Amino acid sequence: MGQPGSGEHRAAGEPELPPGQRLQRGWPVTHYGPVPKFKPDRWEFRVFGATANGDKHCWNHEEFSALPFSTVVADLHCVTKFSMLGAEWGGVPARTILELAPPAANATHVMVWAEYGFSANMRLSDFASERTIFATHKDGELLTAEHGFPLRLIVPHLYAWKGPKWVRGVEYMTADRRGFWEERGYHNIGDPWREQRYSYQEEPGDGPEL
């Protein structure tokens, strides 16, 4: 997907590890279920739901691969308590998708959809962060299938489960609803600096209205 651009770095003086995390050397493989087989001729990335024009936007693999390539240097914090620091992620910024397929004015959240029906919800403001990226590369190398090839979302300021592997699309939403892990007891927001790991820790306003 083009050539790597300039990266971003941690702000000076910012703590390296959120509370309860430990430094990880290397990158463990963590996921639930099998690794999907990539079929480029059938692969499609969709943006749908509360779009500005009401239409669905689609890119096949060749088209998505032609989108502008950028990099961001950012950490990965897993809810299982390991943190991998200073990785360079390359791919398509979420802001590029927002520009090409803008959400409706009343959109407040997104659901990121992946293979096998996996999903992760987040606030539109989290998705729109300049550091959120649909990654195809890590440290200049293509992602492996086990780590999410051909596409995974990286949201550095949230726990890693908020960035699914094997992403296939984004749904804009006008109201929040829980994704796959959020329905199974994980925190609806997932801020590692506030150690928001589990749903029982949620405060009023953290989750969808019942």
N, C-alpha and C. Protein backbone atom coordinates (compact mmCIF):
# COMPACT_ATOMS: atom_id res chain seq x y z
N MET A 1 0.84 -1.19 0.00
CA MET A 1 0.00 0.00 0.00
C MET A 1 0.88 1.24 0.00
N GLY A 2 1.52 1.51 -1.13
CA GLY A 2 2.31 2.70 -1.23
C GLY A 2 3.60 2.61 -0.44
N GLN A 3 4.16 3.76 -0.12
CA GLN A 3 5.42 3.82 0.60
C GLN A 3 5.21 4.37 1.99
N PRO A 4 5.95 3.88 2.99
CA PRO A 4 5.80 4.37 4.35
C PRO A 4 6.02 5.87 4.44
N GLY A 5 5.24 6.51 5.32
CA GLY A 5 5.38 7.94 5.58
C GLY A 5 6.07 8.17 6.91
N SER A 6 5.85 9.33 7.48
CA SER A 6 6.50 9.66 8.76
C SER A 6 5.71 9.11 9.92
N GLY A 7 6.39 8.68 10.98
CA GLY A 7 5.73 8.10 12.14
C GLY A 7 5.45 9.13 13.21
N GLU A 8 4.71 8.69 14.23
CA GLU A 8 4.43 9.50 15.39
C GLU A 8 5.09 8.84 16.59
N HIS A 9 5.46 9.64 17.58
CA HIS A 9 6.14 9.11 18.75
C HIS A 9 5.42 9.51 20.02
N ARG A 10 5.68 8.77 21.08
CA ARG A 10 5.09 9.06 22.39
C ARG A 10 5.53 10.45 22.85
N ALA A 11 4.61 11.17 23.45
CA ALA A 11 4.93 12.50 23.96
C ALA A 11 5.99 12.41 25.05
N ALA A 12 6.83 13.40 25.12
CA ALA A 12 7.90 13.42 26.12
C ALA A 12 7.33 13.38 27.53
N GLY A 13 7.88 12.49 28.35
CA GLY A 13 7.44 12.40 29.73
C GLY A 13 6.23 11.53 29.95
N GLU A 14 5.62 11.03 28.89
CA GLU A 14 4.44 10.18 29.06
C GLU A 14 4.86 8.82 29.62
N PRO A 15 4.16 8.30 30.63
CA PRO A 15 4.52 6.98 31.18
C PRO A 15 4.46 5.91 30.10
N GLU A 16 5.38 4.95 30.19
CA GLU A 16 5.45 3.92 29.16
C GLU A 16 4.38 2.85 29.33
N LEU A 17 4.08 2.50 30.57
CA LEU A 17 3.16 1.39 30.80
C LEU A 17 1.93 1.84 31.58
N PRO A 18 0.75 1.52 31.09
CA PRO A 18 -0.46 1.77 31.88
C PRO A 18 -0.47 0.90 33.13
N PRO A 19 -1.30 1.22 34.10
CA PRO A 19 -1.34 0.42 35.33
C PRO A 19 -1.68 -1.04 35.06
N GLY A 20 -0.98 -1.93 35.76
CA GLY A 20 -1.26 -3.35 35.65
C GLY A 20 -0.64 -4.05 34.46
N GLN A 21 0.09 -3.29 33.61
CA GLN A 21 0.68 -3.88 32.42
C GLN A 21 2.14 -4.25 32.66
N ARG A 22 2.65 -5.21 31.88
CA ARG A 22 4.05 -5.60 31.93
C ARG A 22 4.65 -5.50 30.53
N LEU A 23 5.93 -5.20 30.46
CA LEU A 23 6.60 -5.05 29.19
C LEU A 23 6.77 -6.42 28.52
N GLN A 24 6.42 -6.49 27.23
CA GLN A 24 6.51 -7.72 26.46
C GLN A 24 7.59 -7.59 25.40
N ARG A 25 8.51 -8.54 25.37
CA ARG A 25 9.47 -8.63 24.28
C ARG A 25 8.90 -9.58 23.24
N GLY A 26 8.82 -9.14 22.01
CA GLY A 26 8.18 -9.95 20.99
C GLY A 26 6.68 -9.67 20.97
N TRP A 27 5.97 -10.41 20.14
CA TRP A 27 4.55 -10.16 19.91
C TRP A 27 3.78 -11.48 19.99
N PRO A 28 3.20 -11.79 21.14
CA PRO A 28 2.44 -13.03 21.27
C PRO A 28 1.23 -13.05 20.34
N VAL A 29 0.83 -14.22 19.94
CA VAL A 29 -0.38 -14.40 19.14
C VAL A 29 -1.53 -14.67 20.09
N THR A 30 -2.53 -13.80 20.08
CA THR A 30 -3.71 -13.98 20.92
C THR A 30 -4.95 -13.72 20.09
N HIS A 31 -5.80 -14.71 19.99
CA HIS A 31 -7.09 -14.52 19.32
C HIS A 31 -8.00 -15.69 19.66
N TYR A 32 -9.26 -15.52 19.35
CA TYR A 32 -10.27 -16.54 19.60
C TYR A 32 -10.73 -17.10 18.27
N GLY A 33 -10.70 -18.42 18.13
CA GLY A 33 -11.15 -19.04 16.89
C GLY A 33 -10.03 -19.21 15.89
N PRO A 34 -10.36 -19.74 14.69
CA PRO A 34 -9.35 -20.04 13.68
C PRO A 34 -8.87 -18.79 12.95
N VAL A 35 -7.73 -18.95 12.28
CA VAL A 35 -7.20 -17.89 11.43
C VAL A 35 -7.84 -18.00 10.06
N PRO A 36 -8.52 -16.95 9.58
CA PRO A 36 -9.19 -17.06 8.28
C PRO A 36 -8.19 -17.11 7.13
N LYS A 37 -8.59 -17.74 6.04
CA LYS A 37 -7.77 -17.78 4.84
C LYS A 37 -8.10 -16.57 3.98
N PHE A 38 -7.08 -15.85 3.60
CA PHE A 38 -7.26 -14.65 2.80
C PHE A 38 -7.51 -15.02 1.34
N LYS A 39 -8.62 -14.52 0.81
CA LYS A 39 -8.98 -14.73 -0.59
C LYS A 39 -9.13 -13.36 -1.25
N PRO A 40 -8.06 -12.87 -1.88
CA PRO A 40 -8.07 -11.49 -2.38
C PRO A 40 -9.17 -11.19 -3.37
N ASP A 41 -9.58 -12.17 -4.16
CA ASP A 41 -10.63 -11.91 -5.15
C ASP A 41 -12.00 -11.76 -4.51
N ARG A 42 -12.15 -12.20 -3.26
CA ARG A 42 -13.42 -12.09 -2.56
C ARG A 42 -13.40 -11.04 -1.45
N TRP A 43 -12.24 -10.48 -1.19
CA TRP A 43 -12.09 -9.54 -0.08
C TRP A 43 -12.71 -8.20 -0.42
N GLU A 44 -13.42 -7.62 0.52
CA GLU A 44 -14.05 -6.31 0.33
C GLU A 44 -14.07 -5.58 1.67
N PHE A 45 -13.78 -4.29 1.62
CA PHE A 45 -13.88 -3.43 2.80
C PHE A 45 -15.09 -2.52 2.61
N ARG A 46 -16.00 -2.53 3.58
CA ARG A 46 -17.25 -1.78 3.46
C ARG A 46 -17.37 -0.75 4.56
N VAL A 47 -17.94 0.39 4.22
CA VAL A 47 -18.36 1.39 5.19
C VAL A 47 -19.85 1.60 4.99
N PHE A 48 -20.62 1.41 6.04
CA PHE A 48 -22.08 1.44 5.89
C PHE A 48 -22.71 1.98 7.17
N GLY A 49 -24.02 1.94 7.23
CA GLY A 49 -24.73 2.47 8.39
C GLY A 49 -25.07 3.93 8.18
N ALA A 50 -24.81 4.75 9.20
CA ALA A 50 -25.18 6.17 9.16
C ALA A 50 -24.12 6.98 8.43
N THR A 51 -24.02 6.76 7.11
CA THR A 51 -23.10 7.54 6.29
C THR A 51 -23.75 8.88 5.92
N ALA A 52 -22.92 9.83 5.52
CA ALA A 52 -23.43 11.17 5.24
C ALA A 52 -24.44 11.19 4.09
N ASN A 53 -24.21 10.34 3.07
CA ASN A 53 -25.12 10.32 1.92
C ASN A 53 -26.08 9.14 1.95
N GLY A 54 -26.01 8.33 3.00
CA GLY A 54 -26.90 7.19 3.12
C GLY A 54 -26.49 5.98 2.31
N ASP A 55 -25.38 6.08 1.58
CA ASP A 55 -24.94 4.98 0.73
C ASP A 55 -23.88 4.12 1.42
N LYS A 56 -23.70 2.93 0.90
CA LYS A 56 -22.62 2.06 1.33
C LYS A 56 -21.39 2.34 0.45
N HIS A 57 -20.22 2.34 1.05
CA HIS A 57 -18.97 2.57 0.32
C HIS A 57 -18.14 1.30 0.38
N CYS A 58 -17.60 0.88 -0.76
CA CYS A 58 -16.88 -0.39 -0.82
C CYS A 58 -15.56 -0.23 -1.58
N TRP A 59 -14.55 -0.97 -1.12
CA TRP A 59 -13.28 -1.07 -1.81
C TRP A 59 -12.90 -2.54 -1.91
N ASN A 60 -12.49 -3.00 -3.09
CA ASN A 60 -11.92 -4.33 -3.17
C ASN A 60 -10.47 -4.26 -2.71
N HIS A 61 -9.77 -5.39 -2.68
CA HIS A 61 -8.42 -5.39 -2.11
C HIS A 61 -7.46 -4.52 -2.92
N GLU A 62 -7.57 -4.55 -4.23
CA GLU A 62 -6.70 -3.73 -5.05
C GLU A 62 -6.95 -2.25 -4.81
N GLU A 63 -8.21 -1.86 -4.70
CA GLU A 63 -8.56 -0.46 -4.47
C GLU A 63 -8.12 0.00 -3.08
N PHE A 64 -8.34 -0.84 -2.08
CA PHE A 64 -7.93 -0.46 -0.73
C PHE A 64 -6.41 -0.35 -0.65
N SER A 65 -5.71 -1.23 -1.33
CA SER A 65 -4.25 -1.22 -1.30
C SER A 65 -3.68 0.03 -1.97
N ALA A 66 -4.48 0.69 -2.81
CA ALA A 66 -4.02 1.89 -3.50
C ALA A 66 -4.25 3.16 -2.68
N LEU A 67 -4.91 3.06 -1.54
CA LEU A 67 -5.15 4.24 -0.70
C LEU A 67 -3.82 4.72 -0.10
N PRO A 68 -3.73 6.02 0.23
CA PRO A 68 -2.46 6.56 0.76
C PRO A 68 -1.97 5.81 1.99
N PHE A 69 -0.69 5.49 1.98
CA PHE A 69 -0.04 4.75 3.05
C PHE A 69 0.57 5.73 4.04
N SER A 70 0.41 5.45 5.33
CA SER A 70 1.01 6.28 6.37
C SER A 70 1.53 5.37 7.48
N THR A 71 2.29 5.93 8.39
CA THR A 71 2.79 5.16 9.52
C THR A 71 2.54 5.91 10.82
N VAL A 72 2.45 5.16 11.89
CA VAL A 72 2.36 5.74 13.23
C VAL A 72 3.17 4.84 14.16
N VAL A 73 3.98 5.44 15.01
CA VAL A 73 4.72 4.70 16.02
C VAL A 73 3.89 4.73 17.29
N ALA A 74 3.49 3.55 17.75
CA ALA A 74 2.55 3.50 18.87
C ALA A 74 2.68 2.18 19.59
N ASP A 75 2.21 2.17 20.83
CA ASP A 75 2.24 0.98 21.68
C ASP A 75 0.99 0.14 21.48
N LEU A 76 1.07 -1.11 21.90
CA LEU A 76 -0.07 -2.02 21.88
C LEU A 76 -0.25 -2.57 23.29
N HIS A 77 -1.41 -2.31 23.88
CA HIS A 77 -1.67 -2.74 25.25
C HIS A 77 -2.78 -3.80 25.25
N CYS A 78 -2.41 -5.03 25.58
CA CYS A 78 -3.38 -6.12 25.59
C CYS A 78 -4.04 -6.22 26.97
N VAL A 79 -5.32 -6.52 26.98
CA VAL A 79 -6.03 -6.64 28.25
C VAL A 79 -5.51 -7.79 29.09
N THR A 80 -4.79 -8.73 28.47
CA THR A 80 -4.17 -9.83 29.22
C THR A 80 -2.92 -9.38 29.97
N LYS A 81 -2.64 -8.07 29.92
CA LYS A 81 -1.64 -7.39 30.75
C LYS A 81 -0.25 -7.32 30.16
N PHE A 82 -0.07 -7.63 28.86
CA PHE A 82 1.23 -7.36 28.26
C PHE A 82 1.12 -6.10 27.39
N SER A 83 2.22 -5.38 27.32
CA SER A 83 2.32 -4.19 26.48
C SER A 83 3.55 -4.30 25.59
N MET A 84 3.37 -4.01 24.32
CA MET A 84 4.46 -3.98 23.34
C MET A 84 4.66 -2.52 22.96
N LEU A 85 5.86 -2.00 23.18
CA LEU A 85 6.10 -0.58 23.04
C LEU A 85 6.82 -0.23 21.74
N GLY A 86 6.44 0.93 21.18
CA GLY A 86 7.20 1.53 20.11
C GLY A 86 7.18 0.84 18.78
N ALA A 87 6.12 0.13 18.45
CA ALA A 87 6.03 -0.51 17.14
C ALA A 87 5.66 0.53 16.09
N GLU A 88 6.14 0.34 14.87
CA GLU A 88 5.74 1.19 13.76
C GLU A 88 4.67 0.47 12.96
N TRP A 89 3.49 1.05 12.93
CA TRP A 89 2.35 0.48 12.21
C TRP A 89 2.17 1.23 10.89
N GLY A 90 2.07 0.50 9.81
CA GLY A 90 1.85 1.11 8.51
C GLY A 90 0.53 0.68 7.91
N GLY A 91 -0.15 1.62 7.27
CA GLY A 91 -1.42 1.28 6.65
C GLY A 91 -2.21 2.54 6.30
N VAL A 92 -3.52 2.44 6.42
CA VAL A 92 -4.43 3.52 6.04
C VAL A 92 -5.01 4.15 7.30
N PRO A 93 -4.77 5.43 7.54
CA PRO A 93 -5.34 6.06 8.73
C PRO A 93 -6.86 6.02 8.72
N ALA A 94 -7.44 5.87 9.89
CA ALA A 94 -8.90 5.89 9.99
C ALA A 94 -9.46 7.21 9.47
N ARG A 95 -8.71 8.28 9.65
CA ARG A 95 -9.17 9.58 9.18
C ARG A 95 -9.32 9.61 7.66
N THR A 96 -8.51 8.83 6.95
CA THR A 96 -8.66 8.74 5.50
C THR A 96 -10.01 8.14 5.14
N ILE A 97 -10.39 7.08 5.85
CA ILE A 97 -11.70 6.46 5.60
C ILE A 97 -12.82 7.44 5.93
N LEU A 98 -12.67 8.19 7.01
CA LEU A 98 -13.69 9.18 7.38
C LEU A 98 -13.82 10.27 6.32
N GLU A 99 -12.73 10.62 5.67
CA GLU A 99 -12.77 11.63 4.61
C GLU A 99 -13.41 11.08 3.34
N LEU A 100 -13.08 9.85 3.00
CA LEU A 100 -13.60 9.26 1.77
C LEU A 100 -15.05 8.81 1.91
N ALA A 101 -15.41 8.38 3.10
CA ALA A 101 -16.78 7.91 3.37
C ALA A 101 -17.24 8.55 4.67
N PRO A 102 -17.60 9.83 4.65
CA PRO A 102 -17.91 10.54 5.89
C PRO A 102 -19.17 10.04 6.56
N PRO A 103 -19.21 10.10 7.90
CA PRO A 103 -20.41 9.71 8.64
C PRO A 103 -21.45 10.82 8.61
N ALA A 104 -22.67 10.45 8.91
CA ALA A 104 -23.74 11.43 9.06
C ALA A 104 -23.45 12.33 10.25
N ALA A 105 -24.07 13.50 10.26
CA ALA A 105 -23.82 14.48 11.31
C ALA A 105 -24.21 13.95 12.68
N ASN A 106 -25.17 13.03 12.74
CA ASN A 106 -25.63 12.51 14.03
C ASN A 106 -24.96 11.19 14.42
N ALA A 107 -23.96 10.76 13.68
CA ALA A 107 -23.22 9.54 14.05
C ALA A 107 -22.37 9.82 15.28
N THR A 108 -22.38 8.91 16.23
CA THR A 108 -21.66 9.08 17.49
C THR A 108 -20.66 7.96 17.76
N HIS A 109 -20.88 6.79 17.17
CA HIS A 109 -20.06 5.62 17.45
C HIS A 109 -19.81 4.85 16.15
N VAL A 110 -18.86 3.94 16.21
CA VAL A 110 -18.64 3.02 15.10
C VAL A 110 -18.59 1.60 15.64
N MET A 111 -18.94 0.66 14.77
CA MET A 111 -18.70 -0.75 15.02
C MET A 111 -17.75 -1.22 13.94
N VAL A 112 -16.61 -1.75 14.34
CA VAL A 112 -15.63 -2.27 13.40
C VAL A 112 -15.88 -3.77 13.27
N TRP A 113 -16.13 -4.20 12.04
CA TRP A 113 -16.48 -5.60 11.78
C TRP A 113 -15.30 -6.35 11.19
N ALA A 114 -15.16 -7.61 11.59
CA ALA A 114 -14.06 -8.45 11.13
C ALA A 114 -14.60 -9.82 10.72
N GLU A 115 -13.70 -10.66 10.26
CA GLU A 115 -14.09 -12.02 9.84
C GLU A 115 -14.80 -12.76 10.96
N TYR A 116 -15.64 -13.72 10.57
CA TYR A 116 -16.39 -14.58 11.50
C TYR A 116 -17.35 -13.80 12.39
N GLY A 117 -17.71 -12.58 11.98
CA GLY A 117 -18.68 -11.81 12.76
C GLY A 117 -18.12 -11.13 13.99
N PHE A 118 -16.80 -11.12 14.15
CA PHE A 118 -16.22 -10.40 15.29
C PHE A 118 -16.43 -8.90 15.10
N SER A 119 -16.55 -8.19 16.20
CA SER A 119 -16.82 -6.76 16.13
C SER A 119 -16.28 -6.08 17.38
N ALA A 120 -16.04 -4.77 17.25
CA ALA A 120 -15.63 -3.95 18.39
C ALA A 120 -16.24 -2.57 18.21
N ASN A 121 -16.90 -2.09 19.25
CA ASN A 121 -17.50 -0.76 19.19
C ASN A 121 -16.58 0.26 19.86
N MET A 122 -16.72 1.51 19.43
CA MET A 122 -15.98 2.61 20.06
C MET A 122 -16.65 3.92 19.70
N ARG A 123 -16.31 4.93 20.46
CA ARG A 123 -16.81 6.26 20.17
C ARG A 123 -16.20 6.75 18.85
N LEU A 124 -16.97 7.53 18.12
CA LEU A 124 -16.46 8.08 16.86
C LEU A 124 -15.19 8.89 17.10
N SER A 125 -15.11 9.58 18.23
CA SER A 125 -13.92 10.37 18.54
C SER A 125 -12.69 9.48 18.71
N ASP A 126 -12.84 8.27 19.24
CA ASP A 126 -11.72 7.34 19.36
C ASP A 126 -11.28 6.86 17.98
N PHE A 127 -12.26 6.53 17.16
CA PHE A 127 -11.97 6.07 15.80
C PHE A 127 -11.28 7.16 14.99
N ALA A 128 -11.67 8.42 15.22
CA ALA A 128 -11.16 9.54 14.44
C ALA A 128 -9.80 10.06 14.92
N SER A 129 -9.24 9.44 15.95
CA SER A 129 -7.94 9.88 16.44
C SER A 129 -6.90 9.83 15.32
N GLU A 130 -5.98 10.79 15.30
CA GLU A 130 -4.93 10.81 14.28
C GLU A 130 -4.00 9.61 14.40
N ARG A 131 -4.08 8.86 15.48
CA ARG A 131 -3.21 7.70 15.69
C ARG A 131 -3.91 6.37 15.40
N THR A 132 -5.18 6.41 15.08
CA THR A 132 -5.91 5.18 14.74
C THR A 132 -5.63 4.83 13.28
N ILE A 133 -5.25 3.57 13.04
CA ILE A 133 -4.81 3.19 11.70
C ILE A 133 -5.24 1.76 11.36
N PHE A 134 -5.66 1.57 10.12
CA PHE A 134 -5.93 0.23 9.59
C PHE A 134 -4.58 -0.30 9.10
N ALA A 135 -3.98 -1.14 9.91
CA ALA A 135 -2.59 -1.55 9.66
C ALA A 135 -2.51 -2.75 8.72
N THR A 136 -1.55 -2.65 7.81
CA THR A 136 -1.17 -3.77 6.95
C THR A 136 0.25 -4.22 7.24
N HIS A 137 1.02 -3.35 7.90
CA HIS A 137 2.43 -3.61 8.18
C HIS A 137 2.76 -3.33 9.64
N LYS A 138 3.76 -4.02 10.14
CA LYS A 138 4.37 -3.71 11.44
C LYS A 138 5.88 -3.68 11.25
N ASP A 139 6.49 -2.58 11.66
CA ASP A 139 7.93 -2.40 11.53
C ASP A 139 8.43 -2.69 10.12
N GLY A 140 7.65 -2.21 9.13
CA GLY A 140 8.05 -2.32 7.74
C GLY A 140 7.75 -3.65 7.07
N GLU A 141 7.23 -4.61 7.80
CA GLU A 141 6.93 -5.93 7.25
C GLU A 141 5.42 -6.15 7.22
N LEU A 142 4.96 -6.87 6.20
CA LEU A 142 3.55 -7.23 6.15
C LEU A 142 3.15 -8.00 7.39
N LEU A 143 1.96 -7.74 7.90
CA LEU A 143 1.44 -8.53 9.00
C LEU A 143 1.37 -10.00 8.60
N THR A 144 1.57 -10.88 9.55
CA THR A 144 1.33 -12.30 9.31
C THR A 144 -0.17 -12.57 9.44
N ALA A 145 -0.59 -13.71 8.93
CA ALA A 145 -2.01 -14.08 9.06
C ALA A 145 -2.42 -14.16 10.52
N GLU A 146 -1.54 -14.70 11.37
CA GLU A 146 -1.86 -14.85 12.79
C GLU A 146 -2.02 -13.50 13.49
N HIS A 147 -1.38 -12.48 12.96
CA HIS A 147 -1.46 -11.15 13.56
C HIS A 147 -2.43 -10.23 12.83
N GLY A 148 -3.22 -10.79 11.91
CA GLY A 148 -4.31 -10.02 11.35
C GLY A 148 -4.27 -9.72 9.87
N PHE A 149 -3.27 -10.19 9.13
CA PHE A 149 -3.22 -9.95 7.69
C PHE A 149 -4.53 -10.42 7.04
N PRO A 150 -5.09 -9.63 6.13
CA PRO A 150 -4.49 -8.48 5.46
C PRO A 150 -4.72 -7.12 6.13
N LEU A 151 -5.55 -7.07 7.19
CA LEU A 151 -5.88 -5.76 7.75
C LEU A 151 -6.32 -5.91 9.19
N ARG A 152 -5.72 -5.11 10.06
CA ARG A 152 -6.18 -5.05 11.44
C ARG A 152 -6.21 -3.59 11.87
N LEU A 153 -7.07 -3.29 12.82
CA LEU A 153 -7.18 -1.93 13.31
C LEU A 153 -6.28 -1.76 14.54
N ILE A 154 -5.56 -0.65 14.59
CA ILE A 154 -4.76 -0.29 15.74
C ILE A 154 -5.31 1.00 16.32
N VAL A 155 -5.74 0.94 17.59
CA VAL A 155 -6.24 2.12 18.30
C VAL A 155 -5.35 2.25 19.54
N PRO A 156 -4.24 2.94 19.43
CA PRO A 156 -3.20 2.88 20.47
C PRO A 156 -3.66 3.29 21.86
N HIS A 157 -4.63 4.19 21.96
CA HIS A 157 -5.02 4.69 23.28
C HIS A 157 -6.09 3.83 23.94
N LEU A 158 -6.49 2.73 23.30
CA LEU A 158 -7.44 1.79 23.89
C LEU A 158 -6.80 0.41 23.96
N TYR A 159 -7.37 -0.48 24.77
CA TYR A 159 -6.88 -1.86 24.82
C TYR A 159 -6.96 -2.49 23.43
N ALA A 160 -6.09 -3.45 23.18
CA ALA A 160 -5.91 -3.99 21.83
C ALA A 160 -7.15 -4.70 21.29
N TRP A 161 -8.04 -5.21 22.17
CA TRP A 161 -9.22 -5.89 21.62
C TRP A 161 -10.12 -4.93 20.85
N LYS A 162 -9.97 -3.62 21.09
CA LYS A 162 -10.75 -2.63 20.35
C LYS A 162 -10.29 -2.51 18.90
N GLY A 163 -9.15 -3.10 18.59
CA GLY A 163 -8.64 -3.13 17.23
C GLY A 163 -8.64 -4.54 16.69
N PRO A 164 -9.74 -4.99 16.11
CA PRO A 164 -9.83 -6.39 15.67
C PRO A 164 -8.83 -6.74 14.56
N LYS A 165 -8.48 -8.01 14.51
CA LYS A 165 -7.75 -8.55 13.37
C LYS A 165 -8.74 -8.84 12.23
N TRP A 166 -8.20 -8.97 11.02
CA TRP A 166 -8.96 -9.41 9.84
C TRP A 166 -10.21 -8.55 9.59
N VAL A 167 -9.99 -7.23 9.66
CA VAL A 167 -11.10 -6.28 9.54
C VAL A 167 -11.68 -6.32 8.13
N ARG A 168 -13.00 -6.18 8.06
CA ARG A 168 -13.70 -6.15 6.78
C ARG A 168 -14.58 -4.93 6.59
N GLY A 169 -14.78 -4.12 7.63
CA GLY A 169 -15.61 -2.95 7.42
C GLY A 169 -15.91 -2.18 8.68
N VAL A 170 -16.57 -1.05 8.48
CA VAL A 170 -16.93 -0.14 9.56
C VAL A 170 -18.39 0.26 9.41
N GLU A 171 -19.11 0.20 10.50
CA GLU A 171 -20.50 0.64 10.55
C GLU A 171 -20.59 1.90 11.39
N TYR A 172 -21.09 2.98 10.80
CA TYR A 172 -21.35 4.20 11.57
C TYR A 172 -22.68 4.05 12.30
N MET A 173 -22.72 4.48 13.55
CA MET A 173 -23.92 4.30 14.37
C MET A 173 -24.33 5.62 15.01
N THR A 174 -25.62 5.80 15.17
CA THR A 174 -26.16 6.99 15.84
C THR A 174 -26.41 6.73 17.32
N ALA A 175 -26.18 5.51 17.76
CA ALA A 175 -26.27 5.15 19.18
C ALA A 175 -25.30 4.01 19.42
N ASP A 176 -24.78 3.92 20.61
CA ASP A 176 -23.79 2.90 20.94
C ASP A 176 -24.44 1.54 21.13
N ARG A 177 -23.73 0.49 20.76
CA ARG A 177 -24.09 -0.86 21.15
C ARG A 177 -22.81 -1.67 21.27
N ARG A 178 -22.87 -2.73 22.07
CA ARG A 178 -21.65 -3.47 22.40
C ARG A 178 -21.23 -4.41 21.27
N GLY A 179 -19.90 -4.56 21.14
CA GLY A 179 -19.34 -5.49 20.19
C GLY A 179 -19.17 -6.88 20.80
N PHE A 180 -18.39 -7.71 20.13
CA PHE A 180 -18.26 -9.12 20.50
C PHE A 180 -17.76 -9.29 21.93
N TRP A 181 -16.61 -8.72 22.25
CA TRP A 181 -16.04 -8.89 23.59
C TRP A 181 -16.77 -8.05 24.62
N GLU A 182 -17.30 -6.93 24.20
CA GLU A 182 -18.05 -6.08 25.13
C GLU A 182 -19.33 -6.78 25.60
N GLU A 183 -19.91 -7.61 24.75
CA GLU A 183 -21.09 -8.40 25.14
C GLU A 183 -20.71 -9.54 26.07
N ARG A 184 -19.42 -9.84 26.16
CA ARG A 184 -18.95 -10.97 26.95
C ARG A 184 -18.16 -10.53 28.18
N GLY A 185 -18.44 -9.33 28.65
CA GLY A 185 -17.92 -8.92 29.94
C GLY A 185 -16.77 -7.95 29.94
N TYR A 186 -16.33 -7.51 28.75
CA TYR A 186 -15.25 -6.53 28.71
C TYR A 186 -15.81 -5.11 28.72
N HIS A 187 -14.98 -4.19 29.18
CA HIS A 187 -15.41 -2.81 29.36
C HIS A 187 -15.81 -2.17 28.03
N ASN A 188 -16.84 -1.36 28.06
CA ASN A 188 -17.35 -0.79 26.82
C ASN A 188 -16.40 0.23 26.20
N ILE A 189 -15.58 0.90 27.00
CA ILE A 189 -14.66 1.90 26.47
C ILE A 189 -13.26 1.33 26.31
N GLY A 190 -12.69 0.75 27.38
CA GLY A 190 -11.41 0.06 27.26
C GLY A 190 -10.19 0.96 27.26
N ASP A 191 -10.15 1.95 28.14
CA ASP A 191 -9.00 2.84 28.27
C ASP A 191 -7.97 2.19 29.19
N PRO A 192 -6.78 1.82 28.68
CA PRO A 192 -5.80 1.15 29.54
C PRO A 192 -5.24 2.05 30.63
N TRP A 193 -5.20 3.36 30.41
CA TRP A 193 -4.65 4.27 31.42
C TRP A 193 -5.60 4.41 32.60
N ARG A 194 -6.88 4.09 32.40
CA ARG A 194 -7.84 4.05 33.50
C ARG A 194 -8.13 2.61 33.92
N GLU A 195 -7.40 1.67 33.32
CA GLU A 195 -7.52 0.23 33.59
C GLU A 195 -8.99 -0.23 33.49
N GLN A 196 -9.62 0.16 32.39
CA GLN A 196 -11.02 -0.21 32.13
C GLN A 196 -11.05 -1.57 31.42
N ARG A 197 -10.92 -2.63 32.21
CA ARG A 197 -10.83 -3.97 31.64
C ARG A 197 -12.20 -4.65 31.50
N TYR A 198 -13.04 -4.53 32.52
CA TYR A 198 -14.26 -5.36 32.56
C TYR A 198 -15.51 -4.52 32.75
N SER A 199 -16.62 -5.07 32.31
CA SER A 199 -17.87 -4.30 32.32
C SER A 199 -18.33 -3.95 33.74
N TYR A 200 -17.96 -4.75 34.75
CA TYR A 200 -18.40 -4.42 36.11
C TYR A 200 -17.75 -3.13 36.62
N GLN A 201 -16.69 -2.68 35.91
CA GLN A 201 -16.04 -1.44 36.29
C GLN A 201 -16.70 -0.20 35.68
N GLU A 202 -17.67 -0.42 34.82
CA GLU A 202 -18.27 0.71 34.11
C GLU A 202 -19.02 1.65 35.05
N GLU A 203 -18.91 2.91 34.74
CA GLU A 203 -19.64 3.95 35.46
C GLU A 203 -20.79 4.44 34.59
N PRO A 204 -21.76 5.15 35.16
CA PRO A 204 -22.86 5.68 34.36
C PRO A 204 -22.34 6.48 33.17
N GLY A 205 -22.85 6.17 32.01
CA GLY A 205 -22.42 6.85 30.80
C GLY A 205 -21.34 6.12 30.02
N ASP A 206 -20.73 5.09 30.63
CA ASP A 206 -19.68 4.34 29.91
C ASP A 206 -20.25 3.40 28.87
N GLY A 207 -21.46 2.90 29.10
CA GLY A 207 -22.03 1.90 28.20
C GLY A 207 -23.27 2.38 27.51
N PRO A 208 -23.81 1.58 26.57
CA PRO A 208 -25.03 1.95 25.88
C PRO A 208 -26.21 2.08 26.84
N GLU A 209 -27.12 2.95 26.49
CA GLU A 209 -28.33 3.08 27.29
C GLU A 209 -29.19 1.83 27.10
N LEU A 210 -29.76 1.36 28.18
CA LEU A 210 -30.59 0.15 28.11
C LEU A 210 -32.00 0.49 27.64
